[in-house]
Amino acid sequence: MFKLSIKTCLFSGVLFMTVPVHATPNEPLAIINGEVLTQQDYDDYVKARTTQTQRRATPEILLEELVQRELLKQDALKKKLEQHPDFIRKLTDMRNSLLVAMAIHDDLEKHALDEAALKKEYDKQIAHVQVPKEYQIRHILVETAEQAKAIIAELEQGKAFGELAKEKSIDKPSANKAGELGWITKQQIDPNVGEMVEKLEKGKFSEPVKSEYGWHVILVDDIRNVALPGFESVKERIRSTLQSQQMQTYVEGLKKQAEIKMFKPKP
């Protein structure tokens, strides 16, 4: 831990200052070779660091990191590394990237999407959705078509589906539950079985249907519409989609106003 006396805080050309409980932005926290690091410098560093890593650190460690960065920066300036071509090129790239981000941010702020706009888009999308169905089904799985036909004959004679599933299905997990597979959509199961399920009415059982696992006899216990996601659960996804469209419109508008010549890049 850092102590508050000047003697114990002085090393490597660094003078640490006591961190006030209610520090002002310009309050000095450290003086390194005559350069002052302020509370604002510290706050900015902490904010940037938080977005880059989840690793936590004490204020003393954070200040030490900030001091080390300042020492490295001063040494780089001493060596005139800011004049190095790589530095200049990377600085230009960073500047350009920041300008692009600022242009996007500025346009999005000028055309901010309110709750009403998001809800309108949600209602528009929901209106065009073909609501899929879910089926609560049971099945009996056997190895051959002949075995499946024999089961259907027993069902037609009044034998309970659940009892036959327990006795004859080779799918033991579902057999132990009278053949129950729970609620499923057509897309979640074998295509042949899915097509058969879609044709069945509630309470009806199927003809033998083949899948990669064997032969099935299917019973549909219930049918319902799949619940669509609520507005709140998809609001931010809608915002992101609309903002992407806004950006596309923004860039297309800039292209129309610009004089552009493009040449084929060399491989």
Protein backbone atom coordinates (compact mmCIF):
# COMPACT_ATOMS: atom_id res chain seq x y z
CA MET A 1 0.00 0.00 0.00
CA PHE A 2 1.13 3.57 -0.67
CA LYS A 3 1.85 5.75 2.37
CA LEU A 4 1.05 9.40 2.38
CA SER A 5 4.45 10.85 3.35
CA ILE A 6 6.54 12.39 0.59
CA LYS A 7 9.66 10.42 1.55
CA THR A 8 8.10 7.02 1.00
CA CYS A 9 6.30 8.10 -2.18
CA LEU A 10 9.38 9.33 -3.99
CA PHE A 11 11.07 6.95 -6.45
CA SER A 12 12.25 6.86 -10.09
CA GLY A 13 11.65 10.57 -10.50
CA VAL A 14 7.98 10.23 -9.47
CA LEU A 15 6.21 12.20 -6.76
CA PHE A 16 2.84 10.71 -5.72
CA MET A 17 0.26 13.03 -4.25
CA THR A 18 -2.47 12.16 -1.75
CA VAL A 19 -5.72 11.29 -3.58
CA PRO A 20 -8.44 13.56 -2.17
CA VAL A 21 -11.75 11.94 -1.27
CA HIS A 22 -13.63 14.52 -3.35
CA ALA A 23 -11.01 15.33 -5.96
CA THR A 24 -11.65 17.95 -8.64
CA PRO A 25 -10.78 17.15 -12.29
CA ASN A 26 -7.60 19.26 -12.21
CA GLU A 27 -6.43 17.95 -8.84
CA PRO A 28 -2.82 16.67 -9.26
CA LEU A 29 -2.30 13.00 -8.42
CA ALA A 30 1.30 12.57 -9.55
CA ILE A 31 4.18 14.66 -10.89
CA ILE A 32 6.59 12.80 -13.18
CA ASN A 33 9.68 14.73 -14.27
CA GLY A 34 7.66 17.93 -14.01
CA GLU A 35 4.60 16.56 -15.88
CA VAL A 36 1.38 16.60 -13.84
CA LEU A 37 -1.14 13.76 -13.91
CA THR A 38 -4.53 14.97 -12.74
CA GLN A 39 -7.67 13.37 -11.36
CA GLN A 40 -9.17 13.77 -14.85
CA ASP A 41 -6.26 11.83 -16.37
CA TYR A 42 -6.87 9.10 -13.80
CA ASP A 43 -10.64 9.02 -14.41
CA ASP A 44 -10.16 8.83 -18.19
CA TYR A 45 -7.66 5.99 -17.82
CA VAL A 46 -9.94 4.02 -15.49
CA LYS A 47 -12.85 4.40 -17.90
CA ALA A 48 -10.80 3.28 -20.92
CA ARG A 49 -9.26 0.41 -18.97
CA THR A 50 -12.69 -0.84 -17.84
CA THR A 51 -13.86 -1.20 -21.44
CA GLN A 52 -10.77 -3.23 -22.34
CA THR A 53 -10.50 -5.67 -19.44
CA GLN A 54 -12.62 -7.20 -16.69
CA ARG A 55 -9.59 -7.45 -14.38
CA ARG A 56 -10.08 -5.25 -11.33
CA ALA A 57 -7.37 -3.26 -9.61
CA THR A 58 -7.01 -0.99 -6.59
CA PRO A 59 -6.71 2.79 -7.05
CA GLU A 60 -3.03 2.53 -6.06
CA ILE A 61 -2.33 -0.04 -8.78
CA LEU A 62 -4.27 1.99 -11.35
CA LEU A 63 -2.27 5.10 -10.50
CA GLU A 64 0.96 3.09 -10.73
CA GLU A 65 -0.06 1.89 -14.21
CA LEU A 66 -0.83 5.44 -15.25
CA VAL A 67 2.58 6.61 -14.01
CA GLN A 68 4.33 3.83 -15.91
CA ARG A 69 2.50 4.85 -19.08
CA GLU A 70 3.64 8.44 -18.59
CA LEU A 71 7.26 7.31 -18.10
CA LEU A 72 7.13 5.27 -21.29
CA LYS A 73 5.55 8.16 -23.17
CA GLN A 74 8.22 10.57 -21.99
CA ASP A 75 10.97 8.16 -23.01
CA ALA A 76 9.39 7.72 -26.45
CA LEU A 77 9.28 11.50 -26.93
CA LYS A 78 12.89 11.74 -25.76
CA LYS A 79 13.85 9.28 -28.50
CA LYS A 80 11.69 11.25 -31.01
CA LEU A 81 9.66 8.16 -31.81
CA GLU A 82 6.72 10.37 -32.74
CA GLN A 83 8.66 11.17 -35.92
CA HIS A 84 8.99 7.51 -36.91
CA PRO A 85 7.11 6.70 -40.17
CA ASP A 86 5.28 3.78 -38.52
CA PHE A 87 4.03 6.06 -35.75
CA ILE A 88 2.85 8.69 -38.22
CA ARG A 89 1.07 6.09 -40.36
CA LYS A 90 -0.65 4.47 -37.36
CA LEU A 91 -1.60 7.85 -35.94
CA THR A 92 -3.20 8.74 -39.28
CA ASP A 93 -5.09 5.42 -39.26
CA MET A 94 -6.32 6.05 -35.72
CA ARG A 95 -7.38 9.58 -36.62
CA ASN A 96 -9.28 8.36 -39.67
CA SER A 97 -11.01 5.60 -37.69
CA LEU A 98 -12.01 8.08 -34.99
CA LEU A 99 -13.39 10.50 -37.58
CA VAL A 100 -15.44 7.70 -39.16
CA ALA A 101 -16.82 6.75 -35.76
CA MET A 102 -17.62 10.38 -34.95
CA ALA A 103 -19.38 10.87 -38.30
CA ILE A 104 -21.54 7.80 -37.66
CA HIS A 105 -22.26 8.87 -34.08
CA ASP A 106 -23.19 12.37 -35.23
CA ASP A 107 -25.60 11.12 -37.89
CA LEU A 108 -27.24 8.62 -35.54
CA GLU A 109 -27.73 11.34 -32.92
CA LYS A 110 -29.34 13.63 -35.49
CA HIS A 111 -31.70 10.84 -36.55
CA ALA A 112 -32.27 9.19 -33.18
CA LEU A 113 -34.76 6.34 -33.06
CA ASP A 114 -37.39 6.80 -30.38
CA GLU A 115 -39.57 4.10 -28.80
CA ALA A 116 -42.43 4.82 -31.20
CA ALA A 117 -40.24 4.23 -34.27
CA LEU A 118 -38.96 0.94 -32.87
CA LYS A 119 -42.48 -0.22 -31.97
CA LYS A 120 -43.73 0.70 -35.44
CA GLU A 121 -41.02 -1.44 -37.03
CA TYR A 122 -41.80 -4.29 -34.62
CA ASP A 123 -45.51 -4.19 -35.52
CA LYS A 124 -44.61 -4.10 -39.22
CA GLN A 125 -42.42 -7.19 -38.93
CA ILE A 126 -44.87 -9.10 -36.75
CA ALA A 127 -47.67 -8.44 -39.25
CA HIS A 128 -45.72 -10.28 -41.95
CA VAL A 129 -44.66 -13.23 -39.82
CA GLN A 130 -46.27 -16.54 -40.63
CA VAL A 131 -46.67 -17.93 -37.14
CA PRO A 132 -45.30 -21.49 -36.99
CA LYS A 133 -47.03 -24.24 -35.04
CA GLU A 134 -45.79 -26.41 -32.22
CA TYR A 135 -46.92 -29.97 -31.76
CA GLN A 136 -47.09 -31.96 -28.54
CA ILE A 137 -46.40 -35.46 -29.75
CA ARG A 138 -45.73 -39.00 -28.68
CA HIS A 139 -44.15 -41.72 -30.72
CA ILE A 140 -43.45 -45.42 -30.80
CA LEU A 141 -40.15 -46.31 -32.47
CA VAL A 142 -39.60 -49.80 -33.88
CA GLU A 143 -37.12 -51.40 -36.26
CA THR A 144 -39.33 -52.44 -39.20
CA ALA A 145 -42.37 -51.24 -41.13
CA GLU A 146 -44.15 -54.51 -40.32
CA GLN A 147 -43.76 -53.88 -36.59
CA ALA A 148 -45.14 -50.36 -37.03
CA LYS A 149 -48.14 -51.68 -38.96
CA ALA A 150 -48.81 -54.22 -36.20
CA ILE A 151 -48.84 -51.42 -33.63
CA ILE A 152 -51.29 -49.41 -35.72
CA ALA A 153 -53.56 -52.45 -35.87
CA GLU A 154 -53.52 -52.63 -32.06
CA LEU A 155 -54.27 -48.92 -31.81
CA GLU A 156 -57.24 -49.34 -34.14
CA GLN A 157 -58.48 -52.09 -31.84
CA GLY A 158 -58.45 -49.62 -28.94
CA LYS A 159 -55.10 -50.35 -27.29
CA ALA A 160 -53.76 -47.30 -25.42
CA PHE A 161 -50.90 -45.52 -27.20
CA GLY A 162 -48.97 -44.98 -23.98
CA GLU A 163 -49.10 -48.65 -23.05
CA LEU A 164 -47.85 -49.73 -26.47
CA ALA A 165 -45.04 -47.18 -26.27
CA LYS A 166 -43.91 -48.57 -22.90
CA GLU A 167 -44.07 -52.16 -24.18
CA LYS A 168 -42.67 -51.90 -27.70
CA SER A 169 -40.79 -48.64 -28.38
CA ILE A 170 -37.03 -49.03 -28.71
CA ASP A 171 -36.61 -45.37 -27.75
CA LYS A 172 -36.40 -46.11 -24.03
CA PRO A 173 -36.24 -42.52 -22.66
CA SER A 174 -39.54 -41.62 -24.35
CA ALA A 175 -40.99 -45.11 -23.80
CA ASN A 176 -40.64 -44.60 -20.05
CA LYS A 177 -42.86 -41.50 -20.45
CA ALA A 178 -45.55 -43.27 -22.53
CA GLY A 179 -43.86 -42.11 -25.73
CA GLU A 180 -43.91 -38.38 -24.92
CA LEU A 181 -41.49 -36.13 -26.79
CA GLY A 182 -42.91 -32.82 -25.55
CA TRP A 183 -43.55 -29.72 -27.63
CA ILE A 184 -41.64 -29.56 -30.92
CA THR A 185 -41.73 -27.72 -34.23
CA LYS A 186 -41.52 -29.34 -37.64
CA GLN A 187 -37.98 -27.99 -38.06
CA GLN A 188 -36.71 -29.72 -34.91
CA ILE A 189 -37.30 -33.28 -36.08
CA ASP A 190 -36.54 -35.59 -39.00
CA PRO A 191 -38.05 -34.11 -42.22
CA ASN A 192 -40.18 -37.20 -42.93
CA VAL A 193 -41.53 -37.24 -39.39
CA GLY A 194 -42.06 -33.47 -39.49
CA GLU A 195 -44.12 -33.67 -42.66
CA MET A 196 -46.27 -36.41 -41.16
CA VAL A 197 -46.81 -34.48 -37.93
CA GLU A 198 -47.88 -31.41 -39.89
CA LYS A 199 -50.63 -33.40 -41.62
CA LEU A 200 -52.07 -34.94 -38.47
CA GLU A 201 -55.06 -33.58 -36.58
CA LYS A 202 -55.07 -33.33 -32.81
CA GLY A 203 -55.69 -36.73 -31.22
CA LYS A 204 -54.87 -38.67 -34.41
CA PHE A 205 -52.03 -41.15 -34.97
CA SER A 206 -50.00 -41.62 -38.12
CA GLU A 207 -49.24 -44.31 -40.65
CA PRO A 208 -45.72 -45.82 -40.33
CA VAL A 209 -43.06 -43.18 -41.12
CA LYS A 210 -39.36 -43.86 -41.60
CA SER A 211 -36.41 -41.90 -40.23
CA GLU A 212 -32.71 -42.68 -39.78
CA TYR A 213 -33.58 -44.23 -36.40
CA GLY A 214 -36.21 -46.69 -37.59
CA TRP A 215 -39.98 -46.64 -38.07
CA HIS A 216 -42.27 -44.34 -36.11
CA VAL A 217 -45.92 -44.26 -35.23
CA ILE A 218 -46.76 -40.70 -34.20
CA LEU A 219 -49.61 -39.39 -32.06
CA VAL A 220 -50.38 -35.65 -31.88
CA ASP A 221 -51.70 -34.77 -28.42
CA ASP A 222 -52.02 -31.01 -28.95
CA ILE A 223 -51.26 -28.17 -31.40
CA ARG A 224 -50.56 -24.51 -30.69
CA ASN A 225 -49.00 -21.45 -32.31
CA VAL A 226 -45.39 -20.70 -31.37
CA ALA A 227 -45.23 -17.64 -29.10
CA LEU A 228 -43.59 -14.73 -30.93
CA PRO A 229 -40.94 -12.68 -29.10
CA GLY A 230 -42.25 -9.62 -27.29
CA PHE A 231 -41.27 -6.08 -28.24
CA GLU A 232 -38.97 -5.54 -25.26
CA SER A 233 -36.97 -8.71 -25.96
CA VAL A 234 -36.14 -7.69 -29.56
CA LYS A 235 -36.17 -3.89 -29.26
CA GLU A 236 -32.39 -3.47 -29.29
CA ARG A 237 -32.00 -5.88 -32.19
CA ILE A 238 -34.52 -3.80 -34.15
CA ARG A 239 -32.63 -0.64 -33.22
CA SER A 240 -29.38 -2.15 -34.51
CA THR A 241 -31.01 -3.18 -37.78
CA LEU A 242 -32.58 0.22 -38.35
CA GLN A 243 -29.33 2.00 -37.51
CA SER A 244 -27.51 -0.16 -40.06
CA GLN A 245 -30.08 0.94 -42.62
CA GLN A 246 -29.59 4.54 -41.56
CA MET A 247 -25.85 4.23 -42.06
CA GLN A 248 -26.34 2.72 -45.50
CA THR A 249 -28.62 5.62 -46.46
CA TYR A 250 -26.12 8.11 -45.02
CA VAL A 251 -23.19 6.65 -46.97
CA GLU A 252 -25.21 6.36 -50.19
CA GLY A 253 -26.12 10.03 -49.86
CA LEU A 254 -22.46 10.97 -49.48
CA LYS A 255 -21.54 8.92 -52.55
CA LYS A 256 -24.15 10.70 -54.67
CA GLN A 257 -22.70 14.09 -53.70
CA ALA A 258 -19.07 13.06 -54.21
CA GLU A 259 -16.83 12.85 -57.26
CA ILE A 260 -15.30 9.38 -57.06
CA LYS A 261 -12.71 7.68 -59.28
CA MET A 262 -11.80 4.09 -58.51
CA PHE A 263 -8.92 2.02 -59.89
CA LYS A 264 -8.28 -1.69 -59.72
CA PRO A 265 -5.98 -2.54 -56.78
CA LYS A 266 -2.77 -4.41 -57.49
CA PRO A 267 -2.65 -7.94 -55.98
